[in-house]
Amino acid sequence: MNRITFLGTGTSQGIPMIGCGCYVCKSGDPKDNRLRTSALIEYEGFKILIDCGPDFRQQMLRSGTTDLDAVILTHQHKDHTGGMDDIRAFNYFRREAFPIYAEKKVQESLKMEYSYAFSDNKYPGVPQYNLITIDENPFLITKKNADGTLSSIEAVPIRVLHYKLPILGFRIGSLAYITDASYIPPAEFDKLKNLDIFVLNTARREKHISHFCLSEALEVIRKVGARRNFLTHLSHQIGTHAELAADLPPGTEPAYDGLVCEF
């Protein structure tokens, strides 16, 4: 069974936002409680985490996830990498360094943020990362099976811009996942053909400097033409889940934490 589980669907501050008394942050609907954006992709026997933000530990416990095969990172911002220290749990059970697929510039950021994990004389118990460099070219995610053989799946990076910062979305099978984008170069749309599920970010209804606003996201979704579409990285400014759902065209839904969809 191939599926995506939305572990977090909120912006960098999540919902509810600290100190905010707006009606969205005070909502009693569980779908309006949004951790920082992350997704678990289960595909052809692999479990792949896209982004490892500051809510990573809570997301793993809440979803009952006890093992992963890899983490792939879209970019280096803290709301997408702030949970990397908790990879230690997988180091403990696997007794090996954990594979992290990321661009070179993202790796350099990790080395600064988690310098203690990369020092020459490591403190006992620090996380152990196996950094695997990716770029705009398709790459293989590989794991060792119980019988010692290797299995691989292909991931296709999608180059997008987060304001002026080049970051990556990813296509795995007939699913594509793009977060934190404000622009998709025309040539990248070729990678988004014939999708069953398309996940795209939108922070709010008004224009945003580094994220698609709602009307822009809907135009991208119309252009891609996937069978099902989900909006993620939602802020409290976009309204409640129910309000947003009522305003969306057929085939497009607001994602929410814990949502599971097969593809």
C-alpha atoms as a PDB file:
ATOM      1  CA  MET A   1       0.000   0.000   0.000  1.00  0.00           C
ATOM      2  CA  ASN A   2       1.397   3.397  -1.028  1.00  0.00           C
ATOM      3  CA  ARG A   3       0.227   6.281   1.119  1.00  0.00           C
ATOM      4  CA  ILE A   4       1.037   9.665   2.577  1.00  0.00           C
ATOM      5  CA  THR A   5       0.437  10.583   6.199  1.00  0.00           C
ATOM      6  CA  PHE A   6       0.383  14.299   6.942  1.00  0.00           C
ATOM      7  CA  LEU A   7       2.317  14.546  10.206  1.00  0.00           C
ATOM      8  CA  GLY A   8       2.179  18.345  10.333  1.00  0.00           C
ATOM      9  CA  THR A   9       0.397  20.901   8.164  1.00  0.00           C
ATOM     10  CA  GLY A  10       1.110  24.227   9.865  1.00  0.00           C
ATOM     11  CA  THR A  11       3.482  27.083   9.194  1.00  0.00           C
ATOM     12  CA  SER A  12       6.710  27.743  11.068  1.00  0.00           C
ATOM     13  CA  GLN A  13       4.803  28.859  14.181  1.00  0.00           C
ATOM     14  CA  GLY A  14       2.112  26.196  14.029  1.00  0.00           C
ATOM     15  CA  ILE A  15      -1.512  26.495  15.100  1.00  0.00           C
ATOM     16  CA  PRO A  16      -2.278  27.532  17.779  1.00  0.00           C
ATOM     17  CA  MET A  17       0.412  30.191  17.639  1.00  0.00           C
ATOM     18  CA  ILE A  18       2.009  31.148  20.946  1.00  0.00           C
ATOM     19  CA  GLY A  19       0.230  34.137  22.456  1.00  0.00           C
ATOM     20  CA  CYS A  20      -2.469  34.353  19.781  1.00  0.00           C
ATOM     21  CA  GLY A  21      -6.110  34.629  20.784  1.00  0.00           C
ATOM     22  CA  CYS A  22      -7.672  34.560  17.309  1.00  0.00           C
ATOM     23  CA  TYR A  23     -10.674  32.338  16.663  1.00  0.00           C
ATOM     24  CA  VAL A  24      -8.584  29.920  14.577  1.00  0.00           C
ATOM     25  CA  CYS A  25      -5.990  29.413  17.317  1.00  0.00           C
ATOM     26  CA  LYS A  26      -8.814  28.927  19.828  1.00  0.00           C
ATOM     27  CA  SER A  27     -10.759  26.554  17.581  1.00  0.00           C
ATOM     28  CA  GLY A  28     -12.060  23.362  19.152  1.00  0.00           C
ATOM     29  CA  ASP A  29     -11.789  21.474  15.857  1.00  0.00           C
ATOM     30  CA  PRO A  30      -8.796  19.076  16.040  1.00  0.00           C
ATOM     31  CA  LYS A  31      -8.174  19.748  12.336  1.00  0.00           C
ATOM     32  CA  ASP A  32      -7.185  23.298  13.293  1.00  0.00           C
ATOM     33  CA  ASN A  33      -4.362  22.101  15.572  1.00  0.00           C
ATOM     34  CA  ARG A  34      -1.419  22.055  13.185  1.00  0.00           C
ATOM     35  CA  LEU A  35       2.157  21.020  13.961  1.00  0.00           C
ATOM     36  CA  ARG A  36       5.024  22.172  11.742  1.00  0.00           C
ATOM     37  CA  THR A  37       4.893  20.777   8.213  1.00  0.00           C
ATOM     38  CA  SER A  38       6.148  17.237   7.598  1.00  0.00           C
ATOM     39  CA  ALA A  39       4.939  14.121   5.796  1.00  0.00           C
ATOM     40  CA  LEU A  40       5.525  10.368   5.944  1.00  0.00           C
ATOM     41  CA  ILE A  41       5.580   8.651   2.547  1.00  0.00           C
ATOM     42  CA  GLU A  42       5.125   4.881   2.482  1.00  0.00           C
ATOM     43  CA  TYR A  43       6.009   3.602  -0.968  1.00  0.00           C
ATOM     44  CA  GLU A  44       6.918   0.124  -2.171  1.00  0.00           C
ATOM     45  CA  GLY A  45       7.932  -0.998   1.303  1.00  0.00           C
ATOM     46  CA  PHE A  46       9.891   2.161   2.162  1.00  0.00           C
ATOM     47  CA  LYS A  47       9.071   4.684   4.883  1.00  0.00           C
ATOM     48  CA  ILE A  48      10.396   8.105   3.922  1.00  0.00           C
ATOM     49  CA  LEU A  49      10.081  11.241   6.045  1.00  0.00           C
ATOM     50  CA  ILE A  50       9.976  14.563   4.221  1.00  0.00           C
ATOM     51  CA  ASP A  51      11.388  17.197   6.585  1.00  0.00           C
ATOM     52  CA  CYS A  52      12.240  16.789  10.252  1.00  0.00           C
ATOM     53  CA  GLY A  53      10.975  19.877  12.056  1.00  0.00           C
ATOM     54  CA  PRO A  54      10.849  20.788  15.735  1.00  0.00           C
ATOM     55  CA  ASP A  55       7.710  18.667  16.268  1.00  0.00           C
ATOM     56  CA  PHE A  56       9.404  15.498  14.928  1.00  0.00           C
ATOM     57  CA  ARG A  57       9.382  13.603  18.248  1.00  0.00           C
ATOM     58  CA  GLN A  58       5.717  14.348  18.880  1.00  0.00           C
ATOM     59  CA  GLN A  59       4.822  13.435  15.287  1.00  0.00           C
ATOM     60  CA  MET A  60       6.580  10.069  15.506  1.00  0.00           C
ATOM     61  CA  LEU A  61       4.880   9.217  18.787  1.00  0.00           C
ATOM     62  CA  ARG A  62       1.463  10.459  17.710  1.00  0.00           C
ATOM     63  CA  SER A  63       1.541   8.509  14.443  1.00  0.00           C
ATOM     64  CA  GLY A  64       2.961   5.346  16.015  1.00  0.00           C
ATOM     65  CA  THR A  65       5.974   5.417  13.687  1.00  0.00           C
ATOM     66  CA  THR A  66       8.686   3.153  15.081  1.00  0.00           C
ATOM     67  CA  ASP A  67      11.143   3.121  12.187  1.00  0.00           C
ATOM     68  CA  LEU A  68      12.073   5.055   9.070  1.00  0.00           C
ATOM     69  CA  ASP A  69      14.254   4.228   6.087  1.00  0.00           C
ATOM     70  CA  ALA A  70      15.386   7.777   5.328  1.00  0.00           C
ATOM     71  CA  VAL A  71      14.777  11.478   5.802  1.00  0.00           C
ATOM     72  CA  ILE A  72      14.817  13.813   2.810  1.00  0.00           C
ATOM     73  CA  LEU A  73      15.021  17.548   3.443  1.00  0.00           C
ATOM     74  CA  THR A  74      13.456  20.266   1.324  1.00  0.00           C
ATOM     75  CA  HIS A  75      15.630  23.048   2.755  1.00  0.00           C
ATOM     76  CA  GLN A  76      17.511  24.239   5.797  1.00  0.00           C
ATOM     77  CA  HIS A  77      14.995  26.408   7.658  1.00  0.00           C
ATOM     78  CA  LYS A  78      14.545  25.463  11.306  1.00  0.00           C
ATOM     79  CA  ASP A  79      10.857  24.548  10.997  1.00  0.00           C
ATOM     80  CA  HIS A  80      12.005  21.801   8.590  1.00  0.00           C
ATOM     81  CA  THR A  81      15.189  20.651  10.368  1.00  0.00           C
ATOM     82  CA  GLY A  82      14.675  21.514  14.043  1.00  0.00           C
ATOM     83  CA  GLY A  83      13.959  17.937  15.122  1.00  0.00           C
ATOM     84  CA  MET A  84      17.121  16.361  13.794  1.00  0.00           C
ATOM     85  CA  ASP A  85      18.564  15.706  17.258  1.00  0.00           C
ATOM     86  CA  ASP A  86      15.793  13.171  17.901  1.00  0.00           C
ATOM     87  CA  ILE A  87      17.153  10.986  15.092  1.00  0.00           C
ATOM     88  CA  ARG A  88      19.165   9.570  18.002  1.00  0.00           C
ATOM     89  CA  ALA A  89      16.294   7.209  18.773  1.00  0.00           C
ATOM     90  CA  PHE A  90      16.679   5.522  15.386  1.00  0.00           C
ATOM     91  CA  ASN A  91      20.458   5.409  15.841  1.00  0.00           C
ATOM     92  CA  TYR A  92      19.924   3.541  19.100  1.00  0.00           C
ATOM     93  CA  PHE A  93      17.657   0.871  17.657  1.00  0.00           C
ATOM     94  CA  ARG A  94      19.372   0.543  14.278  1.00  0.00           C
ATOM     95  CA  ARG A  95      22.911   0.807  15.691  1.00  0.00           C
ATOM     96  CA  GLU A  96      24.089   2.740  12.669  1.00  0.00           C
ATOM     97  CA  ALA A  97      24.156   6.241  11.239  1.00  0.00           C
ATOM     98  CA  PHE A  98      20.823   7.343   9.808  1.00  0.00           C
ATOM     99  CA  PRO A  99      20.540   8.314   6.098  1.00  0.00           C
ATOM    100  CA  ILE A 100      19.720  11.977   5.477  1.00  0.00           C
ATOM    101  CA  TYR A 101      19.250  13.044   1.839  1.00  0.00           C
ATOM    102  CA  ALA A 102      19.881  16.751   1.375  1.00  0.00           C
ATOM    103  CA  GLU A 103      21.522  19.309  -0.859  1.00  0.00           C
ATOM    104  CA  LYS A 104      25.065  20.388  -0.016  1.00  0.00           C
ATOM    105  CA  LYS A 105      23.962  23.791   1.314  1.00  0.00           C
ATOM    106  CA  VAL A 106      21.438  22.089   3.604  1.00  0.00           C
ATOM    107  CA  GLN A 107      24.163  19.775   4.899  1.00  0.00           C
ATOM    108  CA  GLU A 108      26.371  22.763   5.674  1.00  0.00           C
ATOM    109  CA  SER A 109      23.538  24.289   7.689  1.00  0.00           C
ATOM    110  CA  LEU A 110      23.101  21.043   9.636  1.00  0.00           C
ATOM    111  CA  LYS A 111      26.810  21.019  10.436  1.00  0.00           C
ATOM    112  CA  MET A 112      26.456  24.461  12.004  1.00  0.00           C
ATOM    113  CA  GLU A 113      23.151  23.843  13.800  1.00  0.00           C
ATOM    114  CA  TYR A 114      24.233  20.439  15.114  1.00  0.00           C
ATOM    115  CA  SER A 115      27.975  20.978  15.335  1.00  0.00           C
ATOM    116  CA  TYR A 116      28.256  18.569  18.276  1.00  0.00           C
ATOM    117  CA  ALA A 117      27.145  15.729  15.979  1.00  0.00           C
ATOM    118  CA  PHE A 118      29.990  16.447  13.546  1.00  0.00           C
ATOM    119  CA  SER A 119      32.872  17.211  15.912  1.00  0.00           C
ATOM    120  CA  ASP A 120      36.054  15.157  15.806  1.00  0.00           C
ATOM    121  CA  ASN A 121      35.590  14.087  19.416  1.00  0.00           C
ATOM    122  CA  LYS A 122      31.889  13.349  19.670  1.00  0.00           C
ATOM    123  CA  TYR A 123      30.110  13.330  23.011  1.00  0.00           C
ATOM    124  CA  PRO A 124      28.595   9.871  23.676  1.00  0.00           C
ATOM    125  CA  GLY A 125      25.013   9.559  22.457  1.00  0.00           C
ATOM    126  CA  VAL A 126      24.953  12.403  19.931  1.00  0.00           C
ATOM    127  CA  PRO A 127      22.950  11.765  16.756  1.00  0.00           C
ATOM    128  CA  GLN A 128      24.740  10.022  13.916  1.00  0.00           C
ATOM    129  CA  TYR A 129      23.911  11.108  10.385  1.00  0.00           C
ATOM    130  CA  ASN A 130      24.840   9.535   7.076  1.00  0.00           C
ATOM    131  CA  LEU A 131      24.609  12.622   4.860  1.00  0.00           C
ATOM    132  CA  ILE A 132      23.829  11.768   1.245  1.00  0.00           C
ATOM    133  CA  THR A 133      24.150  14.595  -1.250  1.00  0.00           C
ATOM    134  CA  ILE A 134      21.339  15.237  -3.714  1.00  0.00           C
ATOM    135  CA  ASP A 135      20.781  17.909  -6.327  1.00  0.00           C
ATOM    136  CA  GLU A 136      18.224  18.516  -9.072  1.00  0.00           C
ATOM    137  CA  ASN A 137      18.761  15.074 -10.606  1.00  0.00           C
ATOM    138  CA  PRO A 138      16.667  11.991  -9.761  1.00  0.00           C
ATOM    139  CA  PHE A 139      18.247   9.870  -7.035  1.00  0.00           C
ATOM    140  CA  LEU A 140      17.798   6.472  -5.436  1.00  0.00           C
ATOM    141  CA  ILE A 141      16.839   5.902  -1.821  1.00  0.00           C
ATOM    142  CA  THR A 142      18.330   2.561  -0.802  1.00  0.00           C
ATOM    143  CA  LYS A 143      17.895   0.274   2.194  1.00  0.00           C
ATOM    144  CA  LYS A 144      19.198  -3.110   3.302  1.00  0.00           C
ATOM    145  CA  ASN A 145      16.580  -5.817   3.630  1.00  0.00           C
ATOM    146  CA  ALA A 146      16.440  -8.427   6.381  1.00  0.00           C
ATOM    147  CA  ASP A 147      18.054 -11.003   4.063  1.00  0.00           C
ATOM    148  CA  GLY A 148      20.977  -8.684   3.318  1.00  0.00           C
ATOM    149  CA  THR A 149      19.843  -7.665  -0.164  1.00  0.00           C
ATOM    150  CA  LEU A 150      19.338  -4.046  -1.181  1.00  0.00           C
ATOM    151  CA  SER A 151      16.145  -2.359  -2.366  1.00  0.00           C
ATOM    152  CA  SER A 152      15.818   1.068  -3.956  1.00  0.00           C
ATOM    153  CA  ILE A 153      13.150   3.535  -4.974  1.00  0.00           C
ATOM    154  CA  GLU A 154      13.557   6.644  -7.096  1.00  0.00           C
ATOM    155  CA  ALA A 155      12.822  10.180  -5.936  1.00  0.00           C
ATOM    156  CA  VAL A 156      12.611  13.053  -8.406  1.00  0.00           C
ATOM    157  CA  PRO A 157      13.574  16.505  -7.046  1.00  0.00           C
ATOM    158  CA  ILE A 158      11.497  19.482  -8.135  1.00  0.00           C
ATOM    159  CA  ARG A 159      13.324  22.799  -8.049  1.00  0.00           C
ATOM    160  CA  VAL A 160      11.240  25.653  -6.630  1.00  0.00           C
ATOM    161  CA  LEU A 161      11.906  29.047  -5.084  1.00  0.00           C
ATOM    162  CA  HIS A 162      11.086  30.019  -1.501  1.00  0.00           C
ATOM    163  CA  TYR A 163      11.268  33.761  -2.127  1.00  0.00           C
ATOM    164  CA  LYS A 164      14.858  33.894  -3.481  1.00  0.00           C
ATOM    165  CA  LEU A 165      16.032  30.669  -1.841  1.00  0.00           C
ATOM    166  CA  PRO A 166      16.240  27.640  -4.177  1.00  0.00           C
ATOM    167  CA  ILE A 167      14.737  24.626  -2.408  1.00  0.00           C
ATOM    168  CA  LEU A 168      13.382  21.226  -3.417  1.00  0.00           C
ATOM    169  CA  GLY A 169      10.057  19.487  -3.636  1.00  0.00           C
ATOM    170  CA  PHE A 170       9.927  15.769  -4.397  1.00  0.00           C
ATOM    171  CA  ARG A 171       8.029  13.336  -6.566  1.00  0.00           C
ATOM    172  CA  ILE A 172       7.802   9.709  -5.459  1.00  0.00           C
ATOM    173  CA  GLY A 173       5.721   7.511  -7.735  1.00  0.00           C
ATOM    174  CA  SER A 174       2.478   9.294  -8.574  1.00  0.00           C
ATOM    175  CA  LEU A 175       2.737  11.680  -5.615  1.00  0.00           C
ATOM    176  CA  ALA A 176       4.430  15.080  -5.594  1.00  0.00           C
ATOM    177  CA  TYR A 177       5.048  17.118  -2.460  1.00  0.00           C
ATOM    178  CA  ILE A 178       6.009  20.803  -2.580  1.00  0.00           C
ATOM    179  CA  THR A 179       6.168  23.038   0.466  1.00  0.00           C
ATOM    180  CA  ASP A 180       7.471  26.557   1.124  1.00  0.00           C
ATOM    181  CA  ALA A 181       7.339  27.544  -2.546  1.00  0.00           C
ATOM    182  CA  SER A 182       6.456  30.900  -4.023  1.00  0.00           C
ATOM    183  CA  TYR A 183       7.501  30.069  -7.607  1.00  0.00           C
ATOM    184  CA  ILE A 184       7.830  26.953  -9.753  1.00  0.00           C
ATOM    185  CA  PRO A 185       9.938  27.373 -12.911  1.00  0.00           C
ATOM    186  CA  PRO A 186       8.025  26.417 -16.076  1.00  0.00           C
ATOM    187  CA  ALA A 187      10.411  23.564 -16.926  1.00  0.00           C
ATOM    188  CA  GLU A 188       9.662  21.845 -13.609  1.00  0.00           C
ATOM    189  CA  PHE A 189       6.014  21.315 -14.514  1.00  0.00           C
ATOM    190  CA  ASP A 190       7.067  18.416 -16.745  1.00  0.00           C
ATOM    191  CA  LYS A 191       7.881  16.531 -13.519  1.00  0.00           C
ATOM    192  CA  LEU A 192       4.325  17.060 -12.273  1.00  0.00           C
ATOM    193  CA  LYS A 193       2.427  15.244 -14.996  1.00  0.00           C
ATOM    194  CA  ASN A 194       0.055  12.325 -14.353  1.00  0.00           C
ATOM    195  CA  LEU A 195      -0.110  12.681 -10.578  1.00  0.00           C
ATOM    196  CA  ASP A 196      -2.583  10.913  -8.337  1.00  0.00           C
ATOM    197  CA  ILE A 197      -1.793  13.231  -5.409  1.00  0.00           C
ATOM    198  CA  PHE A 198      -0.303  16.736  -5.485  1.00  0.00           C
ATOM    199  CA  VAL A 199       0.552  18.474  -2.210  1.00  0.00           C
ATOM    200  CA  LEU A 200       1.256  22.210  -2.330  1.00  0.00           C
ATOM    201  CA  ASN A 201       1.793  24.947   0.225  1.00  0.00           C
ATOM    202  CA  THR A 202      -0.309  28.022   0.799  1.00  0.00           C
ATOM    203  CA  ALA A 203       0.129  30.187   3.884  1.00  0.00           C
ATOM    204  CA  ARG A 204      -2.792  32.597   3.607  1.00  0.00           C
ATOM    205  CA  ARG A 205      -5.299  34.194   1.266  1.00  0.00           C
ATOM    206  CA  GLU A 206      -3.375  37.464   0.914  1.00  0.00           C
ATOM    207  CA  LYS A 207      -0.159  37.801  -1.107  1.00  0.00           C
ATOM    208  CA  HIS A 208       2.893  36.428   0.711  1.00  0.00           C
ATOM    209  CA  ILE A 209       6.546  37.128  -0.060  1.00  0.00           C
ATOM    210  CA  SER A 210       7.798  33.547   0.245  1.00  0.00           C
ATOM    211  CA  HIS A 211       4.747  31.277  -0.060  1.00  0.00           C
ATOM    212  CA  PHE A 212       1.975  30.844  -2.574  1.00  0.00           C
ATOM    213  CA  CYS A 213      -1.150  32.664  -1.493  1.00  0.00           C
ATOM    214  CA  LEU A 214      -4.392  30.759  -1.948  1.00  0.00           C
ATOM    215  CA  SER A 215      -5.256  32.041  -5.420  1.00  0.00           C
ATOM    216  CA  GLU A 216      -1.708  31.354  -6.664  1.00  0.00           C
ATOM    217  CA  ALA A 217      -1.744  27.839  -5.235  1.00  0.00           C
ATOM    218  CA  LEU A 218      -5.074  27.087  -6.880  1.00  0.00           C
ATOM    219  CA  GLU A 219      -3.738  28.290 -10.227  1.00  0.00           C
ATOM    220  CA  VAL A 220      -0.721  25.950  -9.900  1.00  0.00           C
ATOM    221  CA  ILE A 221      -3.060  23.099  -8.969  1.00  0.00           C
ATOM    222  CA  ARG A 222      -5.230  23.825 -12.023  1.00  0.00           C
ATOM    223  CA  LYS A 223      -2.161  23.785 -14.246  1.00  0.00           C
ATOM    224  CA  VAL A 224      -0.817  20.499 -12.809  1.00  0.00           C
ATOM    225  CA  GLY A 225      -4.165  18.710 -13.090  1.00  0.00           C
ATOM    226  CA  ALA A 226      -3.605  15.980 -10.489  1.00  0.00           C
ATOM    227  CA  ARG A 227      -6.427  13.647  -9.517  1.00  0.00           C
ATOM    228  CA  ARG A 228      -6.417  14.837  -5.889  1.00  0.00           C
ATOM    229  CA  ASN A 229      -4.818  17.950  -4.420  1.00  0.00           C
ATOM    230  CA  PHE A 230      -4.016  18.907  -0.841  1.00  0.00           C
ATOM    231  CA  LEU A 231      -2.975  22.239   0.648  1.00  0.00           C
ATOM    232  CA  THR A 232      -0.423  22.285   3.462  1.00  0.00           C
ATOM    233  CA  HIS A 233       1.771  24.738   5.413  1.00  0.00           C
ATOM    234  CA  LEU A 234      -1.379  26.594   6.465  1.00  0.00           C
ATOM    235  CA  SER A 235      -1.321  29.557   8.855  1.00  0.00           C
ATOM    236  CA  HIS A 236      -4.033  30.799  11.186  1.00  0.00           C
ATOM    237  CA  GLN A 237      -4.539  33.690   8.754  1.00  0.00           C
ATOM    238  CA  ILE A 238      -6.175  31.414   6.185  1.00  0.00           C
ATOM    239  CA  GLY A 239      -9.094  30.585   8.488  1.00  0.00           C
ATOM    240  CA  THR A 240     -10.345  27.336   9.947  1.00  0.00           C
ATOM    241  CA  HIS A 241     -10.226  23.986   8.190  1.00  0.00           C
ATOM    242  CA  ALA A 242     -13.988  24.117   7.654  1.00  0.00           C
ATOM    243  CA  GLU A 243     -13.874  27.635   6.194  1.00  0.00           C
ATOM    244  CA  LEU A 244     -11.052  26.786   3.818  1.00  0.00           C
ATOM    245  CA  ALA A 245     -12.637  23.502   2.729  1.00  0.00           C
ATOM    246  CA  ALA A 246     -15.855  25.328   1.843  1.00  0.00           C
ATOM    247  CA  ASP A 247     -13.969  27.708  -0.463  1.00  0.00           C
ATOM    248  CA  LEU A 248     -12.013  25.124  -2.459  1.00  0.00           C
ATOM    249  CA  PRO A 249     -12.936  23.682  -5.863  1.00  0.00           C
ATOM    250  CA  PRO A 250     -13.714  19.972  -6.342  1.00  0.00           C
ATOM    251  CA  GLY A 251     -10.598  17.790  -6.132  1.00  0.00           C
ATOM    252  CA  THR A 252      -8.753  20.123  -3.749  1.00  0.00           C
ATOM    253  CA  GLU A 253      -8.793  19.801   0.039  1.00  0.00           C
ATOM    254  CA  PRO A 254      -6.996  21.317   3.010  1.00  0.00           C
ATOM    255  CA  ALA A 255      -4.722  18.710   4.541  1.00  0.00           C
ATOM    256  CA  TYR A 256      -4.758  18.286   8.298  1.00  0.00           C
ATOM    257  CA  ASP A 257      -2.525  16.550  10.825  1.00  0.00           C
ATOM    258  CA  GLY A 258      -3.110  12.811  10.797  1.00  0.00           C
ATOM    259  CA  LEU A 259      -4.745  12.693   7.361  1.00  0.00           C
ATOM    260  CA  VAL A 260      -3.810   9.497   5.475  1.00  0.00           C
ATOM    261  CA  CYS A 261      -4.282   9.185   1.698  1.00  0.00           C
ATOM    262  CA  GLU A 262      -3.460   6.266  -0.577  1.00  0.00           C
ATOM    263  CA  PHE A 263      -1.957   6.659  -4.033  1.00  0.00           C
END
